[in-house]
C-alpha cells in the first residue's frame, strides 16, 4: 500500500495527540473517509471541524468509550452503515494510570488500564477485520503498543502488563491472517519509548534515549504500516534492550537496565496535569 487515498480510516483516541496526527495524515493523503472515535466530546468536535477544513475527505466522529464492549459494538455497526468497510484501523487509544508500586494502585486504575490498552483493541478489531478480509482490498491494522510491552518497568506494572498483552495479541493476529491466507490484511505493532505528548510528563531520562516527538513517531509508524511491516520498535536503544533482555541472564539484564535508567524512569512520573 503506497497511500490511504480512496480508503476509509478509523482512528481510536482520534481527538488529540497521536490520534489527531494519524487522522491528519489520512486526510492529507486523500482518504475517502476518516472516522474518529474518542471519549472527549468537546475536543472531538473541534478536531473533526479542523480536519474537514483540510480537504475533501469525509470526517465522521463518534463519542465512544472503548472500555465498554456494547458501546464498541454499537458504534462499529453505525460506522459500517455510514461509511462501509474500514480499510485501515489505527488502534491508538490508550491510558496510563497509577503512580507508584503495583500494590498501591486502585482497582479502578488496574481495570481501566487493562481494559482500554489490552481488551479494547481486541473488541474493536473483531468488529472490522471480517470486513477487511471480505473486501479483498489491501487493508491495514496498526496497534500502538509500547516498549513497556517488551521490557519491564518498576512503578509501571499495570501499564506494562496491558502493553505486553497488546503486543502478544497484535502479533498473533498478524500470524493468524497469514496462516489463513488473508495476505491483503496486514498488522503492524508499534513499540515506542516515552513520547512527548504529556502522558509521561516527568518520566526520567534513559541513556541515549531521547523523549520521542509525536510527529516523528506517527510518520515512522505510518510508513511501516503502509508497507505492511510487522513491527516498529523505536528508538534503536529499545531494540537493543529487547535483544539484551532475551539473551542476558536476569541479574545482568537488571544491572544493564538499571544502569541506563530504565528501572528508575518512573520514579518522578506525574503524567498529564501533574496527576
Protein backbone atom coordinates (compact mmCIF):
# COMPACT_ATOMS: atom_id res chain seq x y z
CA UNK A 1 0.00 0.00 0.00
CA UNK A 2 1.51 3.30 -1.12
CA UNK A 3 -1.14 5.59 0.33
CA UNK A 4 -4.54 5.58 2.05
CA UNK A 5 -6.08 7.59 -0.79
CA UNK A 6 -9.51 6.16 -1.55
CA UNK A 7 -9.57 4.20 1.72
CA UNK A 8 -11.68 4.51 4.88
CA UNK A 9 -9.59 5.03 8.00
CA UNK A 10 -10.72 4.68 11.64
CA UNK A 11 -8.65 6.15 14.47
CA UNK A 12 -9.40 5.42 18.12
CA UNK A 13 -8.39 8.17 20.53
CA UNK A 14 -8.55 10.39 17.48
CA UNK A 15 -9.39 13.74 19.08
CA UNK A 16 -5.91 14.72 20.20
CA UNK A 17 -2.28 13.68 20.50
CA UNK A 18 -1.04 10.91 18.23
CA UNK A 19 -4.59 10.06 17.17
CA UNK A 20 -5.17 13.53 15.77
CA UNK A 21 -1.84 13.37 13.93
CA UNK A 22 -2.72 9.98 12.44
CA UNK A 23 -6.09 11.32 11.31
CA UNK A 24 -4.48 14.42 9.82
CA UNK A 25 -2.08 12.25 7.83
CA UNK A 26 -5.03 10.25 6.48
CA UNK A 27 -6.84 13.41 5.35
CA UNK A 28 -3.68 14.80 3.75
CA UNK A 29 -3.25 11.60 1.76
CA UNK A 30 -6.79 11.79 0.43
CA UNK A 31 -8.64 9.12 2.40
CA UNK A 32 -12.25 8.82 1.31
CA UNK A 33 -13.43 8.92 4.93
CA UNK A 34 -11.79 9.30 8.31
CA UNK A 35 -13.69 8.07 11.36
CA UNK A 36 -12.69 9.46 14.75
CA UNK A 37 -13.53 7.68 17.99
CA UNK A 38 -12.87 9.41 21.27
CA UNK A 39 -14.47 9.78 24.69
CA UNK A 40 -13.87 13.56 24.86
CA UNK A 41 -16.84 15.04 23.02
CA UNK A 42 -15.76 18.69 23.03
CA UNK A 43 -12.24 18.02 21.74
CA UNK A 44 -13.62 15.51 19.25
CA UNK A 45 -15.88 18.13 17.67
CA UNK A 46 -13.01 20.63 17.43
CA UNK A 47 -10.74 18.10 15.76
CA UNK A 48 -13.43 17.00 13.31
CA UNK A 49 -14.00 20.61 12.29
CA UNK A 50 -10.27 21.18 11.78
CA UNK A 51 -9.91 18.06 9.65
CA UNK A 52 -12.92 18.88 7.50
CA UNK A 53 -11.24 22.17 6.59
CA UNK A 54 -8.13 20.39 5.29
CA UNK A 55 -9.64 18.76 2.22
CA UNK A 56 -12.46 16.80 0.66
CA UNK A 57 -12.21 13.80 3.00
CA UNK A 58 -15.43 12.94 4.78
CA UNK A 59 -14.86 13.17 8.53
CA UNK A 60 -17.14 11.20 10.84
CA UNK A 61 -16.84 11.46 14.61
CA UNK A 62 -18.35 9.29 17.32
CA UNK A 63 -18.15 9.66 21.09
CA UNK A 64 -17.07 6.15 22.10
CA UNK A 65 -15.97 4.70 25.40
CA UNK A 66 -13.78 1.86 24.11
CA UNK A 67 -13.76 0.24 27.55
CA UNK A 68 -17.44 -0.70 27.12
CA UNK A 69 -17.98 -3.72 24.87
CA UNK A 70 -21.57 -2.90 23.95
CA UNK A 71 -20.69 0.69 23.10
CA UNK A 72 -17.92 -0.56 20.81
CA UNK A 73 -20.29 -2.98 19.07
CA UNK A 74 -22.97 -0.33 18.59
CA UNK A 75 -20.51 2.27 17.30
CA UNK A 76 -18.94 -0.25 14.91
CA UNK A 77 -22.34 -1.11 13.47
CA UNK A 78 -23.03 2.59 12.95
CA UNK A 79 -19.68 3.02 11.18
CA UNK A 80 -20.45 0.15 8.80
CA UNK A 81 -23.82 1.73 8.00
CA UNK A 82 -22.32 5.18 7.44
CA UNK A 83 -19.09 4.50 5.55
CA UNK A 84 -18.99 0.78 4.78
CA UNK A 85 -15.76 -1.18 5.07
CA UNK A 86 -12.97 0.19 7.24
CA UNK A 87 -9.74 -0.44 5.34
CA UNK A 88 -7.29 0.99 7.86
CA UNK A 89 -7.77 0.59 11.62
CA UNK A 90 -5.50 2.54 13.94
CA UNK A 91 -5.78 1.19 17.49
CA UNK A 92 -4.34 4.28 19.12
CA UNK A 93 -6.46 4.89 22.24
CA UNK A 94 -4.60 4.25 25.48
CA UNK A 95 -4.13 5.42 29.04
CA UNK A 96 -1.59 5.26 31.83
CA UNK A 97 -2.94 5.15 35.38
CA UNK A 98 -1.36 4.77 38.78
CA UNK A 99 1.73 6.42 40.18
CA UNK A 100 3.68 4.10 42.39
CA UNK A 101 4.12 0.44 43.12
CA UNK A 102 1.54 -2.01 41.85
CA UNK A 103 0.12 -2.73 45.31
CA UNK A 104 -0.60 0.99 45.68
CA UNK A 105 -2.75 1.14 42.53
CA UNK A 106 -6.51 1.23 42.88
CA UNK A 107 -8.70 -1.49 41.42
CA UNK A 108 -10.14 1.10 39.04
CA UNK A 109 -6.66 2.08 37.82
CA UNK A 110 -5.75 -1.54 37.11
CA UNK A 111 -9.04 -2.42 35.42
CA UNK A 112 -9.12 0.74 33.30
CA UNK A 113 -5.56 0.25 32.14
CA UNK A 114 -6.06 -3.37 31.14
CA UNK A 115 -9.44 -2.76 29.54
CA UNK A 116 -8.52 0.24 27.40
CA UNK A 117 -4.98 -0.79 26.45
CA UNK A 118 -5.38 -4.54 26.05
CA UNK A 119 -9.02 -5.61 25.73
CA UNK A 120 -10.48 -2.72 23.72
CA UNK A 121 -8.21 -3.24 20.68
CA UNK A 122 -9.36 -6.85 20.51
CA UNK A 123 -13.03 -5.92 20.68
CA UNK A 124 -12.58 -3.24 18.03
CA UNK A 125 -10.53 -5.43 15.69
CA UNK A 126 -13.07 -8.25 15.72
CA UNK A 127 -15.68 -5.77 14.51
CA UNK A 128 -13.71 -4.66 11.46
CA UNK A 129 -11.29 -7.41 10.42
CA UNK A 130 -14.02 -9.61 8.87
CA UNK A 131 -14.93 -6.71 6.57
CA UNK A 132 -11.29 -6.20 5.66
CA UNK A 133 -10.98 -9.87 4.77
CA UNK A 134 -14.17 -9.85 2.71
CA UNK A 135 -13.18 -6.70 0.81
CA UNK A 136 -10.25 -8.34 -0.95
CA UNK A 137 -8.52 -4.95 -0.91
CA UNK A 138 -5.23 -4.02 0.71
CA UNK A 139 -6.08 -3.32 4.36
CA UNK A 140 -4.07 -2.47 7.44
CA UNK A 141 -4.34 -2.58 11.23
CA UNK A 142 -1.88 -0.71 13.41
CA UNK A 143 -1.63 -1.37 17.14
CA UNK A 144 0.08 1.34 19.12
CA UNK A 145 1.70 -0.67 21.89
CA UNK A 146 4.84 0.40 23.75
CA UNK A 147 8.41 -0.53 24.54
CA UNK A 148 6.94 -1.10 28.01
CA UNK A 149 5.35 -4.13 26.36
CA UNK A 150 8.83 -5.52 25.73
CA UNK A 151 10.75 -4.53 28.86
CA UNK A 152 9.52 -4.50 32.47
CA UNK A 153 9.48 -1.11 34.23
CA UNK A 154 9.04 -0.68 38.00
CA UNK A 155 6.16 1.60 39.07
CA UNK A 156 4.52 0.94 35.70
CA UNK A 157 3.36 -2.62 36.26
CA UNK A 158 -0.27 -2.34 35.13
CA UNK A 159 0.68 -0.39 32.02
CA UNK A 160 3.45 -2.88 31.20
CA UNK A 161 1.02 -5.75 31.69
CA UNK A 162 -1.50 -4.14 29.35
CA UNK A 163 1.06 -3.41 26.66
CA UNK A 164 2.65 -6.87 26.88
CA UNK A 165 -0.85 -8.19 26.27
CA UNK A 166 -1.33 -5.81 23.34
CA UNK A 167 1.96 -6.86 21.75
CA UNK A 168 1.22 -10.55 22.07
CA UNK A 169 -2.33 -10.19 20.78
CA UNK A 170 -1.47 -7.91 17.86
CA UNK A 171 1.34 -10.07 16.53
CA UNK A 172 -0.77 -13.19 16.97
CA UNK A 173 -3.46 -11.63 14.77
CA UNK A 174 -0.79 -10.91 12.15
CA UNK A 175 0.18 -14.57 12.16
CA UNK A 176 -3.45 -15.72 12.06
CA UNK A 177 -4.13 -13.64 8.96
CA UNK A 178 -1.03 -15.02 7.26
CA UNK A 179 -1.92 -18.58 8.25
CA UNK A 180 -5.46 -18.19 6.95
CA UNK A 181 -4.22 -16.84 3.62
CA UNK A 182 -5.54 -13.31 4.02
CA UNK A 183 -2.36 -11.69 2.80
CA UNK A 184 -4.09 -8.46 1.83
CA UNK A 185 -4.73 -7.63 5.51
CA UNK A 186 -1.53 -6.80 7.36
CA UNK A 187 -0.90 -5.93 11.01
CA UNK A 188 1.80 -3.64 12.36
CA UNK A 189 2.67 -3.42 16.06
CA UNK A 190 4.39 -0.22 17.16
CA UNK A 191 6.53 -0.14 20.31
CA UNK A 192 7.94 3.33 21.06
CA UNK A 193 9.58 4.52 24.26
CA UNK A 194 8.20 7.58 26.06
CA UNK A 195 6.60 10.11 23.70
CA UNK A 196 6.43 13.84 24.32
CA UNK A 197 2.63 14.08 24.49
CA UNK A 198 2.31 14.83 28.20
CA UNK A 199 1.14 11.32 29.03
CA UNK A 200 4.54 10.57 30.55
CA UNK A 201 5.23 14.01 31.98
CA UNK A 202 8.36 13.98 34.18
CA UNK A 203 9.29 10.42 33.30
CA UNK A 204 13.01 10.06 33.88
CA UNK A 205 15.61 10.05 31.14
CA UNK A 206 17.03 6.83 29.74
CA UNK A 207 20.62 6.84 28.50
CA UNK A 208 20.94 7.53 24.75
CA UNK A 209 17.14 7.62 24.51
CA UNK A 210 15.51 11.00 23.87
CA UNK A 211 11.85 11.66 24.56
CA UNK A 212 10.29 10.89 21.18
CA UNK A 213 8.48 13.61 19.26
CA UNK A 214 4.88 12.75 18.34
CA UNK A 215 5.08 13.67 14.65
CA UNK A 216 8.16 11.53 14.10
CA UNK A 217 6.50 8.55 15.78
CA UNK A 218 3.41 9.00 13.60
CA UNK A 219 5.43 9.36 10.40
CA UNK A 220 7.59 6.31 11.12
CA UNK A 221 4.57 4.25 12.19
CA UNK A 222 2.64 5.30 9.11
CA UNK A 223 5.42 4.29 6.74
CA UNK A 224 5.82 0.91 8.45
CA UNK A 225 2.06 0.34 8.34
CA UNK A 226 1.74 1.16 4.64
CA UNK A 227 4.47 -1.30 3.67
CA UNK A 228 2.91 -3.95 5.89
CA UNK A 229 5.86 -4.31 8.25
CA UNK A 230 5.17 -6.46 11.32
CA UNK A 231 6.97 -4.32 13.95
CA UNK A 232 8.30 -0.86 14.60
CA UNK A 233 10.41 -0.68 17.76
CA UNK A 234 11.81 2.79 18.29
CA UNK A 235 14.36 4.18 19.00
CA UNK A 236 17.37 1.92 18.47
CA UNK A 237 18.03 1.69 22.21
CA UNK A 238 14.66 -0.02 22.66
CA UNK A 239 15.62 -2.62 20.07
CA UNK A 240 18.94 -3.11 21.86
CA UNK A 241 17.21 -3.57 25.20
CA UNK A 242 14.87 -6.14 23.68
CA UNK A 243 17.82 -8.16 22.40
CA UNK A 244 19.73 -7.92 25.68
CA UNK A 245 16.63 -8.87 27.65
CA UNK A 246 16.39 -12.02 25.57
CA UNK A 247 20.00 -13.13 25.85
CA UNK A 248 21.38 -11.91 29.17
CA UNK A 249 20.91 -13.73 32.48
CA UNK A 250 18.33 -11.93 34.60
CA UNK A 251 20.82 -10.36 37.01
CA UNK A 252 22.94 -8.96 34.18
CA UNK A 253 19.83 -7.76 32.39
CA UNK A 254 18.65 -5.98 35.53
CA UNK A 255 22.08 -4.44 36.03
CA UNK A 256 22.10 -3.08 32.46
CA UNK A 257 18.56 -1.69 32.51
CA UNK A 258 19.13 -0.15 35.94
CA UNK A 259 22.40 1.42 34.78
CA UNK A 260 20.88 3.08 31.69
CA UNK A 261 17.94 4.37 33.70
CA UNK A 262 15.03 2.22 32.54
CA UNK A 263 14.23 0.91 36.00
CA UNK A 264 14.23 4.37 37.55
CA UNK A 265 12.42 6.19 34.75
CA UNK A 266 9.04 6.30 36.52
CA UNK A 267 10.23 7.42 39.93
CA UNK A 268 9.16 11.04 39.33
CA UNK A 269 6.34 10.41 36.87
CA UNK A 270 3.32 12.73 37.06
CA UNK A 271 1.52 12.48 33.70
CA UNK A 272 -0.98 14.99 32.35
CA UNK A 273 -1.64 17.86 34.71
CA UNK A 274 0.76 16.52 37.32
CA UNK A 275 -1.64 13.70 38.27
